[in-house]
Amino acid sequence: MNKILPGILILVILFVTFAVFEEVNKFDPKQKRLQCQEKTITFEKIDFEHPIWETNNLIETNNFIIKSNIEYSKLMPSHLINILTVEQADETLNKVLNTYIKYDIPNDKKLLIDYYIYENDKEDKGKKGPKSKLYAGYLLFEFKLDNKLVYKIQTDYMNIDAKDIEERMDCAIKSFLSIK
């Protein structure tokens, strides 16, 4: 009996320690880590199994590829179609990325920045409620290394004239680079 009691006590302590550690390290995708994320609705997904710091330096050393798309509204007249093309969006993103490039060091590994811009289709009957019609659209960024998702962020843009898209792109890149 004297030998069993310390074993049980050790197991209880280990269990409590593990539970506390798990709770402290839990990631909430709706939690706002940066001030720019508080401006609009922003969601994140971080894959802790892949080394994000390895991918961060791929942006800082100019080793990335951009893949992009724009989904214009279909059920209502598109405001975005006459304002922004994929090429213009890529140009804007490259302008943002250039502010984060520190060195130009060739690397065989390339970070894929796969993003698209979605124009909110307010005539879509599948919208969840009136709040879903408040934003002009959203940007969804996926950062991939070796075809594996490392980080994903979705952030709304509010202006139908797309004037805040550059700011939201900057927030997405800044959010990604802030994870070390």
N, C-alpha and C. Protein backbone atom coordinates (compact mmCIF):
# COMPACT_ATOMS: atom_id res chain seq x y z
N MET A 1 0.82 -1.20 0.00
CA MET A 1 0.00 0.00 0.00
C MET A 1 0.86 1.27 0.00
N ASN A 2 1.95 1.24 0.77
CA ASN A 2 2.84 2.40 0.83
C ASN A 2 3.52 2.68 -0.50
N LYS A 3 3.68 1.66 -1.35
CA LYS A 3 4.33 1.84 -2.64
C LYS A 3 3.35 2.29 -3.72
N ILE A 4 2.08 1.99 -3.56
CA ILE A 4 1.06 2.36 -4.54
C ILE A 4 0.69 3.83 -4.42
N LEU A 5 0.57 4.32 -3.22
CA LEU A 5 0.15 5.70 -2.99
C LEU A 5 1.09 6.73 -3.66
N PRO A 6 2.41 6.62 -3.53
CA PRO A 6 3.28 7.58 -4.24
C PRO A 6 3.14 7.48 -5.76
N GLY A 7 2.92 6.29 -6.29
CA GLY A 7 2.73 6.10 -7.73
C GLY A 7 1.48 6.81 -8.22
N ILE A 8 0.40 6.66 -7.46
CA ILE A 8 -0.86 7.33 -7.81
C ILE A 8 -0.69 8.85 -7.72
N LEU A 9 -0.01 9.31 -6.69
CA LEU A 9 0.23 10.74 -6.51
C LEU A 9 1.04 11.31 -7.69
N ILE A 10 2.05 10.59 -8.12
CA ILE A 10 2.86 11.03 -9.27
C ILE A 10 2.01 11.09 -10.53
N LEU A 11 1.15 10.09 -10.76
CA LEU A 11 0.27 10.08 -11.93
C LEU A 11 -0.69 11.27 -11.92
N VAL A 12 -1.25 11.58 -10.76
CA VAL A 12 -2.18 12.71 -10.65
C VAL A 12 -1.44 14.02 -10.95
N ILE A 13 -0.24 14.17 -10.41
CA ILE A 13 0.54 15.39 -10.66
C ILE A 13 0.88 15.52 -12.14
N LEU A 14 1.29 14.43 -12.78
CA LEU A 14 1.59 14.44 -14.21
C LEU A 14 0.36 14.80 -15.03
N PHE A 15 -0.79 14.24 -14.68
CA PHE A 15 -2.03 14.52 -15.40
C PHE A 15 -2.40 16.00 -15.30
N VAL A 16 -2.33 16.56 -14.10
CA VAL A 16 -2.67 17.97 -13.89
C VAL A 16 -1.69 18.86 -14.65
N THR A 17 -0.41 18.54 -14.58
CA THR A 17 0.61 19.32 -15.30
C THR A 17 0.35 19.30 -16.80
N PHE A 18 0.04 18.14 -17.34
CA PHE A 18 -0.23 18.01 -18.77
C PHE A 18 -1.48 18.81 -19.16
N ALA A 19 -2.53 18.73 -18.35
CA ALA A 19 -3.77 19.46 -18.64
C ALA A 19 -3.54 20.97 -18.63
N VAL A 20 -2.78 21.46 -17.67
CA VAL A 20 -2.47 22.89 -17.60
C VAL A 20 -1.64 23.31 -18.81
N PHE A 21 -0.64 22.51 -19.18
CA PHE A 21 0.21 22.80 -20.34
C PHE A 21 -0.62 22.87 -21.61
N GLU A 22 -1.53 21.94 -21.80
CA GLU A 22 -2.39 21.92 -22.99
C GLU A 22 -3.29 23.16 -23.05
N GLU A 23 -3.83 23.57 -21.92
CA GLU A 23 -4.72 24.73 -21.88
C GLU A 23 -3.95 26.01 -22.19
N VAL A 24 -2.75 26.13 -21.68
CA VAL A 24 -1.93 27.32 -21.91
C VAL A 24 -1.55 27.42 -23.38
N ASN A 25 -1.29 26.31 -24.03
CA ASN A 25 -0.83 26.31 -25.42
C ASN A 25 -1.96 26.18 -26.44
N LYS A 26 -3.19 26.23 -26.00
CA LYS A 26 -4.31 26.13 -26.92
C LYS A 26 -4.37 27.38 -27.79
N PHE A 27 -4.61 27.20 -29.07
CA PHE A 27 -4.66 28.32 -30.01
C PHE A 27 -6.10 28.59 -30.41
N ASP A 28 -6.53 29.82 -30.25
CA ASP A 28 -7.87 30.24 -30.63
C ASP A 28 -7.78 31.00 -31.96
N PRO A 29 -8.36 30.44 -33.05
CA PRO A 29 -8.23 31.10 -34.35
C PRO A 29 -8.90 32.47 -34.42
N LYS A 30 -9.80 32.77 -33.48
CA LYS A 30 -10.48 34.07 -33.48
C LYS A 30 -9.74 35.10 -32.62
N GLN A 31 -8.74 34.65 -31.88
CA GLN A 31 -7.97 35.56 -31.04
C GLN A 31 -7.17 36.52 -31.91
N LYS A 32 -7.20 37.77 -31.57
CA LYS A 32 -6.48 38.80 -32.34
C LYS A 32 -5.09 38.96 -31.74
N ARG A 33 -4.08 38.58 -32.52
CA ARG A 33 -2.70 38.66 -32.04
C ARG A 33 -2.06 40.00 -32.35
N LEU A 34 -2.52 40.65 -33.41
CA LEU A 34 -1.94 41.93 -33.85
C LEU A 34 -3.03 42.99 -33.93
N GLN A 35 -2.63 44.23 -33.81
CA GLN A 35 -3.60 45.32 -33.86
C GLN A 35 -4.33 45.38 -35.20
N CYS A 36 -3.62 45.08 -36.29
CA CYS A 36 -4.26 45.16 -37.61
C CYS A 36 -5.37 44.12 -37.76
N GLN A 37 -5.32 43.05 -36.98
CA GLN A 37 -6.36 42.02 -37.05
C GLN A 37 -7.66 42.46 -36.40
N GLU A 38 -7.59 43.50 -35.58
CA GLU A 38 -8.78 43.99 -34.89
C GLU A 38 -9.64 44.89 -35.77
N LYS A 39 -9.11 45.35 -36.90
CA LYS A 39 -9.85 46.28 -37.76
C LYS A 39 -11.03 45.61 -38.46
N THR A 40 -10.86 44.35 -38.85
CA THR A 40 -11.94 43.62 -39.50
C THR A 40 -11.95 42.19 -38.96
N ILE A 41 -12.96 41.44 -39.31
CA ILE A 41 -13.02 40.05 -38.88
C ILE A 41 -11.86 39.30 -39.52
N THR A 42 -11.11 38.61 -38.68
CA THR A 42 -9.91 37.89 -39.13
C THR A 42 -9.86 36.54 -38.43
N PHE A 43 -9.59 35.49 -39.20
CA PHE A 43 -9.41 34.14 -38.66
C PHE A 43 -8.04 33.63 -39.08
N GLU A 44 -7.42 32.85 -38.21
CA GLU A 44 -6.12 32.26 -38.52
C GLU A 44 -6.14 30.76 -38.27
N LYS A 45 -5.28 30.07 -38.99
CA LYS A 45 -5.01 28.66 -38.71
C LYS A 45 -3.50 28.49 -38.81
N ILE A 46 -2.90 28.05 -37.72
CA ILE A 46 -1.47 27.85 -37.68
C ILE A 46 -1.21 26.35 -37.55
N ASP A 47 -0.37 25.82 -38.42
CA ASP A 47 0.01 24.41 -38.34
C ASP A 47 1.34 24.34 -37.59
N PHE A 48 1.26 23.97 -36.32
CA PHE A 48 2.45 23.95 -35.47
C PHE A 48 3.37 22.77 -35.78
N GLU A 49 2.92 21.84 -36.62
CA GLU A 49 3.75 20.68 -36.95
C GLU A 49 4.83 21.03 -37.96
N HIS A 50 4.65 22.09 -38.70
CA HIS A 50 5.65 22.50 -39.70
C HIS A 50 6.34 23.77 -39.21
N PRO A 51 7.64 23.85 -39.37
CA PRO A 51 8.39 24.99 -38.82
C PRO A 51 8.11 26.30 -39.55
N ILE A 52 7.30 27.14 -38.92
CA ILE A 52 6.93 28.42 -39.53
C ILE A 52 8.14 29.33 -39.68
N TRP A 53 9.06 29.30 -38.70
CA TRP A 53 10.24 30.18 -38.78
C TRP A 53 11.06 29.90 -40.04
N GLU A 54 11.04 28.67 -40.52
CA GLU A 54 11.74 28.33 -41.76
C GLU A 54 11.06 29.00 -42.95
N THR A 55 9.75 29.07 -42.91
CA THR A 55 9.01 29.68 -44.01
C THR A 55 9.06 31.20 -43.94
N ASN A 56 9.10 31.75 -42.73
CA ASN A 56 9.19 33.21 -42.58
C ASN A 56 10.41 33.76 -43.30
N ASN A 57 11.53 33.07 -43.13
CA ASN A 57 12.73 33.61 -43.75
C ASN A 57 12.71 33.48 -45.27
N LEU A 58 11.81 32.67 -45.81
CA LEU A 58 11.69 32.58 -47.27
C LEU A 58 11.09 33.86 -47.85
N ILE A 59 10.24 34.52 -47.09
CA ILE A 59 9.75 35.84 -47.53
C ILE A 59 10.87 36.86 -47.39
N GLU A 60 11.54 36.83 -46.25
CA GLU A 60 12.59 37.82 -45.98
C GLU A 60 13.78 37.70 -46.93
N THR A 61 13.95 36.51 -47.55
CA THR A 61 15.06 36.31 -48.50
C THR A 61 14.59 36.24 -49.95
N ASN A 62 13.35 36.64 -50.18
CA ASN A 62 12.79 36.73 -51.54
C ASN A 62 12.69 35.37 -52.24
N ASN A 63 12.23 34.37 -51.50
CA ASN A 63 12.07 33.02 -52.06
C ASN A 63 10.62 32.57 -51.92
N PHE A 64 9.76 33.15 -52.74
CA PHE A 64 8.35 32.81 -52.69
C PHE A 64 7.76 32.87 -54.10
N ILE A 65 6.64 32.19 -54.23
CA ILE A 65 5.88 32.17 -55.48
C ILE A 65 4.47 32.60 -55.13
N ILE A 66 3.87 33.39 -55.98
CA ILE A 66 2.50 33.86 -55.72
C ILE A 66 1.54 33.17 -56.69
N LYS A 67 0.47 32.66 -56.13
CA LYS A 67 -0.63 32.09 -56.91
C LYS A 67 -1.89 32.83 -56.46
N SER A 68 -2.68 33.32 -57.41
CA SER A 68 -3.79 34.17 -57.01
C SER A 68 -5.03 33.98 -57.86
N ASN A 69 -6.13 34.47 -57.32
CA ASN A 69 -7.41 34.41 -58.01
C ASN A 69 -8.34 35.46 -57.39
N ILE A 70 -9.29 35.91 -58.17
CA ILE A 70 -10.35 36.80 -57.66
C ILE A 70 -11.68 36.17 -58.02
N GLU A 71 -12.55 36.08 -57.02
CA GLU A 71 -13.90 35.59 -57.27
C GLU A 71 -14.86 36.77 -57.15
N TYR A 72 -15.30 37.25 -58.29
CA TYR A 72 -16.23 38.38 -58.33
C TYR A 72 -17.64 37.90 -57.99
N SER A 73 -18.47 38.82 -57.50
CA SER A 73 -19.85 38.45 -57.18
C SER A 73 -20.58 38.04 -58.46
N LYS A 74 -21.48 37.08 -58.31
CA LYS A 74 -22.20 36.54 -59.46
C LYS A 74 -23.68 36.89 -59.46
N LEU A 75 -24.27 36.97 -58.27
CA LEU A 75 -25.71 37.20 -58.17
C LEU A 75 -26.07 38.69 -58.13
N MET A 76 -25.12 39.51 -57.81
CA MET A 76 -25.34 40.97 -57.83
C MET A 76 -24.28 41.58 -58.74
N PRO A 77 -24.51 42.78 -59.23
CA PRO A 77 -23.49 43.42 -60.07
C PRO A 77 -22.18 43.59 -59.29
N SER A 78 -21.09 43.21 -59.89
CA SER A 78 -19.78 43.28 -59.24
C SER A 78 -19.25 44.71 -59.25
N HIS A 79 -18.81 45.17 -58.08
CA HIS A 79 -18.14 46.47 -57.99
C HIS A 79 -16.65 46.29 -58.30
N LEU A 80 -16.15 45.13 -57.96
CA LEU A 80 -14.71 44.86 -58.03
C LEU A 80 -14.21 44.60 -59.45
N ILE A 81 -15.07 44.08 -60.30
CA ILE A 81 -14.65 43.64 -61.64
C ILE A 81 -14.04 44.76 -62.48
N ASN A 82 -14.52 45.98 -62.30
CA ASN A 82 -13.99 47.11 -63.06
C ASN A 82 -12.89 47.87 -62.31
N ILE A 83 -12.59 47.43 -61.10
CA ILE A 83 -11.62 48.13 -60.26
C ILE A 83 -10.31 47.35 -60.13
N LEU A 84 -10.42 46.01 -60.05
CA LEU A 84 -9.25 45.21 -59.68
C LEU A 84 -9.17 43.94 -60.51
N THR A 85 -8.02 43.74 -61.15
CA THR A 85 -7.75 42.49 -61.87
C THR A 85 -6.78 41.66 -61.03
N VAL A 86 -6.60 40.42 -61.40
CA VAL A 86 -5.65 39.55 -60.71
C VAL A 86 -4.24 40.15 -60.82
N GLU A 87 -3.90 40.66 -61.98
CA GLU A 87 -2.57 41.24 -62.18
C GLU A 87 -2.36 42.45 -61.27
N GLN A 88 -3.38 43.29 -61.13
CA GLN A 88 -3.27 44.46 -60.25
C GLN A 88 -3.15 44.02 -58.79
N ALA A 89 -3.90 43.00 -58.42
CA ALA A 89 -3.83 42.49 -57.05
C ALA A 89 -2.43 41.93 -56.76
N ASP A 90 -1.88 41.19 -57.72
CA ASP A 90 -0.52 40.65 -57.56
C ASP A 90 0.51 41.77 -57.44
N GLU A 91 0.31 42.81 -58.22
CA GLU A 91 1.21 43.97 -58.16
C GLU A 91 1.15 44.61 -56.77
N THR A 92 -0.04 44.72 -56.23
CA THR A 92 -0.22 45.28 -54.89
C THR A 92 0.44 44.38 -53.85
N LEU A 93 0.23 43.07 -53.96
CA LEU A 93 0.84 42.15 -53.01
C LEU A 93 2.36 42.20 -53.10
N ASN A 94 2.91 42.25 -54.30
CA ASN A 94 4.36 42.35 -54.45
C ASN A 94 4.90 43.63 -53.83
N LYS A 95 4.15 44.71 -53.94
CA LYS A 95 4.54 45.97 -53.31
C LYS A 95 4.62 45.79 -51.79
N VAL A 96 3.62 45.11 -51.23
CA VAL A 96 3.60 44.84 -49.79
C VAL A 96 4.78 43.94 -49.41
N LEU A 97 4.96 42.85 -50.15
CA LEU A 97 6.03 41.89 -49.84
C LEU A 97 7.41 42.53 -49.93
N ASN A 98 7.59 43.45 -50.86
CA ASN A 98 8.90 44.11 -51.01
C ASN A 98 9.32 44.86 -49.75
N THR A 99 8.36 45.29 -48.95
CA THR A 99 8.70 45.98 -47.70
C THR A 99 9.26 45.02 -46.65
N TYR A 100 9.05 43.72 -46.84
CA TYR A 100 9.51 42.72 -45.87
C TYR A 100 10.76 41.96 -46.33
N ILE A 101 11.15 42.14 -47.58
CA ILE A 101 12.34 41.46 -48.10
C ILE A 101 13.58 42.17 -47.55
N LYS A 102 14.43 41.39 -46.87
CA LYS A 102 15.65 41.95 -46.28
C LYS A 102 16.88 41.63 -47.12
N TYR A 103 16.88 40.45 -47.75
CA TYR A 103 18.03 40.00 -48.53
C TYR A 103 17.50 39.30 -49.78
N ASP A 104 18.34 39.21 -50.77
CA ASP A 104 17.99 38.45 -51.97
C ASP A 104 18.94 37.26 -52.05
N ILE A 105 18.57 36.19 -51.34
CA ILE A 105 19.41 35.00 -51.24
C ILE A 105 18.68 33.84 -51.91
N PRO A 106 19.20 33.34 -53.04
CA PRO A 106 18.53 32.22 -53.72
C PRO A 106 18.45 30.98 -52.83
N ASN A 107 17.33 30.28 -52.96
CA ASN A 107 17.09 29.07 -52.17
C ASN A 107 16.29 28.11 -53.04
N ASP A 108 16.59 26.83 -52.94
CA ASP A 108 15.83 25.83 -53.69
C ASP A 108 14.39 25.72 -53.19
N LYS A 109 14.21 25.97 -51.90
CA LYS A 109 12.86 25.92 -51.33
C LYS A 109 12.16 27.24 -51.61
N LYS A 110 10.92 27.12 -52.02
CA LYS A 110 10.11 28.32 -52.28
C LYS A 110 8.81 28.21 -51.48
N LEU A 111 8.44 29.30 -50.86
CA LEU A 111 7.17 29.39 -50.15
C LEU A 111 6.10 29.73 -51.17
N LEU A 112 5.02 28.97 -51.18
CA LEU A 112 3.89 29.28 -52.05
C LEU A 112 2.91 30.14 -51.27
N ILE A 113 2.67 31.34 -51.76
CA ILE A 113 1.65 32.23 -51.19
C ILE A 113 0.46 32.13 -52.12
N ASP A 114 -0.51 31.35 -51.71
CA ASP A 114 -1.70 31.07 -52.51
C ASP A 114 -2.84 31.89 -51.90
N TYR A 115 -3.33 32.88 -52.64
CA TYR A 115 -4.38 33.73 -52.07
C TYR A 115 -5.47 33.98 -53.10
N TYR A 116 -6.64 34.31 -52.56
CA TYR A 116 -7.69 34.79 -53.45
C TYR A 116 -8.49 35.87 -52.75
N ILE A 117 -9.09 36.69 -53.58
CA ILE A 117 -9.95 37.76 -53.10
C ILE A 117 -11.38 37.38 -53.47
N TYR A 118 -12.25 37.41 -52.48
CA TYR A 118 -13.65 37.06 -52.68
C TYR A 118 -14.48 38.33 -52.51
N GLU A 119 -15.26 38.65 -53.52
CA GLU A 119 -16.18 39.78 -53.41
C GLU A 119 -17.48 39.29 -52.80
N ASN A 120 -17.90 39.93 -51.72
CA ASN A 120 -19.12 39.51 -51.03
C ASN A 120 -20.32 39.66 -51.96
N ASP A 121 -20.99 38.56 -52.18
CA ASP A 121 -22.18 38.53 -53.04
C ASP A 121 -23.40 38.68 -52.13
N LYS A 122 -23.84 39.91 -51.94
CA LYS A 122 -24.91 40.20 -50.98
C LYS A 122 -26.27 39.66 -51.40
N GLU A 123 -26.42 39.27 -52.65
CA GLU A 123 -27.67 38.68 -53.12
C GLU A 123 -27.72 37.17 -52.90
N ASP A 124 -26.65 36.60 -52.40
CA ASP A 124 -26.58 35.16 -52.14
C ASP A 124 -27.55 34.81 -51.01
N LYS A 125 -28.52 33.97 -51.29
CA LYS A 125 -29.53 33.57 -50.30
C LYS A 125 -28.94 32.71 -49.19
N GLY A 126 -27.75 32.18 -49.40
CA GLY A 126 -27.10 31.33 -48.40
C GLY A 126 -26.39 32.11 -47.31
N LYS A 127 -26.44 33.43 -47.35
CA LYS A 127 -25.78 34.24 -46.32
C LYS A 127 -26.42 33.96 -44.97
N LYS A 128 -25.60 33.93 -43.93
CA LYS A 128 -26.06 33.55 -42.60
C LYS A 128 -26.95 34.59 -41.94
N GLY A 129 -26.76 35.84 -42.25
CA GLY A 129 -27.56 36.87 -41.60
C GLY A 129 -27.15 38.25 -42.06
N PRO A 130 -27.76 39.28 -41.47
CA PRO A 130 -27.47 40.65 -41.89
C PRO A 130 -26.00 41.06 -41.69
N LYS A 131 -25.34 40.51 -40.68
CA LYS A 131 -23.94 40.86 -40.43
C LYS A 131 -23.03 40.39 -41.57
N SER A 132 -23.43 39.33 -42.25
CA SER A 132 -22.59 38.81 -43.33
C SER A 132 -22.65 39.70 -44.57
N LYS A 133 -23.52 40.70 -44.54
CA LYS A 133 -23.61 41.62 -45.68
C LYS A 133 -22.90 42.95 -45.41
N LEU A 134 -22.26 43.06 -44.25
CA LEU A 134 -21.62 44.32 -43.88
C LEU A 134 -20.27 44.55 -44.54
N TYR A 135 -19.58 43.49 -44.89
CA TYR A 135 -18.24 43.63 -45.46
C TYR A 135 -18.30 43.57 -46.99
N ALA A 136 -17.31 44.13 -47.64
CA ALA A 136 -17.27 44.14 -49.11
C ALA A 136 -16.75 42.82 -49.67
N GLY A 137 -15.94 42.13 -48.89
CA GLY A 137 -15.38 40.85 -49.32
C GLY A 137 -14.31 40.41 -48.35
N TYR A 138 -13.56 39.39 -48.74
CA TYR A 138 -12.46 38.96 -47.88
C TYR A 138 -11.29 38.47 -48.71
N LEU A 139 -10.14 38.41 -48.06
CA LEU A 139 -8.93 37.86 -48.64
C LEU A 139 -8.59 36.60 -47.87
N LEU A 140 -8.27 35.55 -48.58
CA LEU A 140 -7.86 34.30 -47.95
C LEU A 140 -6.44 33.97 -48.43
N PHE A 141 -5.53 33.88 -47.49
CA PHE A 141 -4.13 33.57 -47.80
C PHE A 141 -3.78 32.21 -47.22
N GLU A 142 -3.12 31.38 -48.03
CA GLU A 142 -2.56 30.11 -47.57
C GLU A 142 -1.07 30.14 -47.88
N PHE A 143 -0.27 29.85 -46.88
CA PHE A 143 1.17 29.79 -47.03
C PHE A 143 1.57 28.33 -46.97
N LYS A 144 2.20 27.84 -48.04
CA LYS A 144 2.50 26.41 -48.15
C LYS A 144 3.99 26.21 -48.45
N LEU A 145 4.53 25.17 -47.84
CA LEU A 145 5.90 24.76 -48.12
C LEU A 145 5.88 23.28 -48.45
N ASP A 146 6.44 22.91 -49.57
CA ASP A 146 6.43 21.51 -50.03
C ASP A 146 5.00 20.96 -50.10
N ASN A 147 4.08 21.77 -50.59
CA ASN A 147 2.66 21.42 -50.74
C ASN A 147 1.96 21.15 -49.41
N LYS A 148 2.52 21.60 -48.30
CA LYS A 148 1.90 21.42 -46.99
C LYS A 148 1.53 22.79 -46.44
N LEU A 149 0.28 22.89 -45.98
CA LEU A 149 -0.19 24.15 -45.40
C LEU A 149 0.54 24.42 -44.10
N VAL A 150 1.10 25.62 -44.01
CA VAL A 150 1.82 26.04 -42.81
C VAL A 150 0.98 27.06 -42.03
N TYR A 151 0.33 27.95 -42.77
CA TYR A 151 -0.42 29.03 -42.14
C TYR A 151 -1.53 29.47 -43.08
N LYS A 152 -2.67 29.82 -42.48
CA LYS A 152 -3.82 30.27 -43.27
C LYS A 152 -4.46 31.43 -42.52
N ILE A 153 -4.83 32.46 -43.27
CA ILE A 153 -5.50 33.61 -42.67
C ILE A 153 -6.58 34.12 -43.61
N GLN A 154 -7.71 34.47 -43.02
CA GLN A 154 -8.80 35.10 -43.77
C GLN A 154 -9.11 36.41 -43.08
N THR A 155 -9.17 37.48 -43.86
CA THR A 155 -9.45 38.79 -43.30
C THR A 155 -10.39 39.56 -44.23
N ASP A 156 -11.38 40.20 -43.66
CA ASP A 156 -12.36 40.95 -44.45
C ASP A 156 -11.79 42.28 -44.92
N TYR A 157 -12.27 42.72 -46.08
CA TYR A 157 -12.04 44.11 -46.48
C TYR A 157 -13.42 44.76 -46.52
N MET A 158 -13.47 46.05 -46.20
CA MET A 158 -14.76 46.71 -45.97
C MET A 158 -15.20 47.64 -47.10
N ASN A 159 -14.29 48.19 -47.86
CA ASN A 159 -14.62 49.20 -48.86
C ASN A 159 -14.95 48.57 -50.21
N ILE A 160 -16.12 48.89 -50.76
CA ILE A 160 -16.49 48.30 -52.05
C ILE A 160 -15.59 48.81 -53.18
N ASP A 161 -14.91 49.92 -52.95
CA ASP A 161 -13.96 50.42 -53.95
C ASP A 161 -12.58 49.77 -53.80
N ALA A 162 -12.46 48.82 -52.88
CA ALA A 162 -11.24 48.01 -52.67
C ALA A 162 -10.05 48.84 -52.19
N LYS A 163 -10.27 50.02 -51.66
CA LYS A 163 -9.18 50.88 -51.22
C LYS A 163 -8.42 50.30 -50.02
N ASP A 164 -9.04 49.39 -49.27
CA ASP A 164 -8.38 48.83 -48.09
C ASP A 164 -7.76 47.44 -48.35
N ILE A 165 -7.78 46.98 -49.58
CA ILE A 165 -7.21 45.65 -49.87
C ILE A 165 -5.71 45.61 -49.61
N GLU A 166 -4.99 46.65 -49.97
CA GLU A 166 -3.54 46.67 -49.71
C GLU A 166 -3.26 46.58 -48.21
N GLU A 167 -4.04 47.31 -47.42
CA GLU A 167 -3.88 47.28 -45.96
C GLU A 167 -4.16 45.88 -45.41
N ARG A 168 -5.18 45.20 -45.95
CA ARG A 168 -5.53 43.85 -45.47
C ARG A 168 -4.46 42.84 -45.92
N MET A 169 -3.89 43.04 -47.11
CA MET A 169 -2.78 42.19 -47.55
C MET A 169 -1.59 42.35 -46.61
N ASP A 170 -1.30 43.59 -46.27
CA ASP A 170 -0.19 43.86 -45.35
C ASP A 170 -0.43 43.19 -44.00
N CYS A 171 -1.66 43.23 -43.53
CA CYS A 171 -1.99 42.59 -42.26
C CYS A 171 -1.78 41.07 -42.35
N ALA A 172 -2.17 40.47 -43.45
CA ALA A 172 -2.00 39.02 -43.63
C ALA A 172 -0.51 38.65 -43.61
N ILE A 173 0.31 39.40 -44.33
CA ILE A 173 1.75 39.12 -44.37
C ILE A 173 2.37 39.38 -43.00
N LYS A 174 2.01 40.49 -42.38
CA LYS A 174 2.53 40.83 -41.06
C LYS A 174 2.14 39.75 -40.04
N SER A 175 0.92 39.25 -40.12
CA SER A 175 0.46 38.20 -39.21
C SER A 175 1.29 36.94 -39.37
N PHE A 176 1.54 36.57 -40.61
CA PHE A 176 2.35 35.39 -40.89
C PHE A 176 3.78 35.56 -40.35
N LEU A 177 4.38 36.70 -40.63
CA LEU A 177 5.76 36.93 -40.22
C LEU A 177 5.91 37.11 -38.71
N SER A 178 4.82 37.43 -38.02
CA SER A 178 4.90 37.64 -36.57
C SER A 178 5.02 36.33 -35.80
N ILE A 179 4.77 35.22 -36.45
CA ILE A 179 4.85 33.92 -35.78
C ILE A 179 6.29 33.44 -35.87
N LYS A 180 6.92 33.34 -34.76
CA LYS A 180 8.33 32.90 -34.74
C LYS A 180 8.47 31.62 -33.95
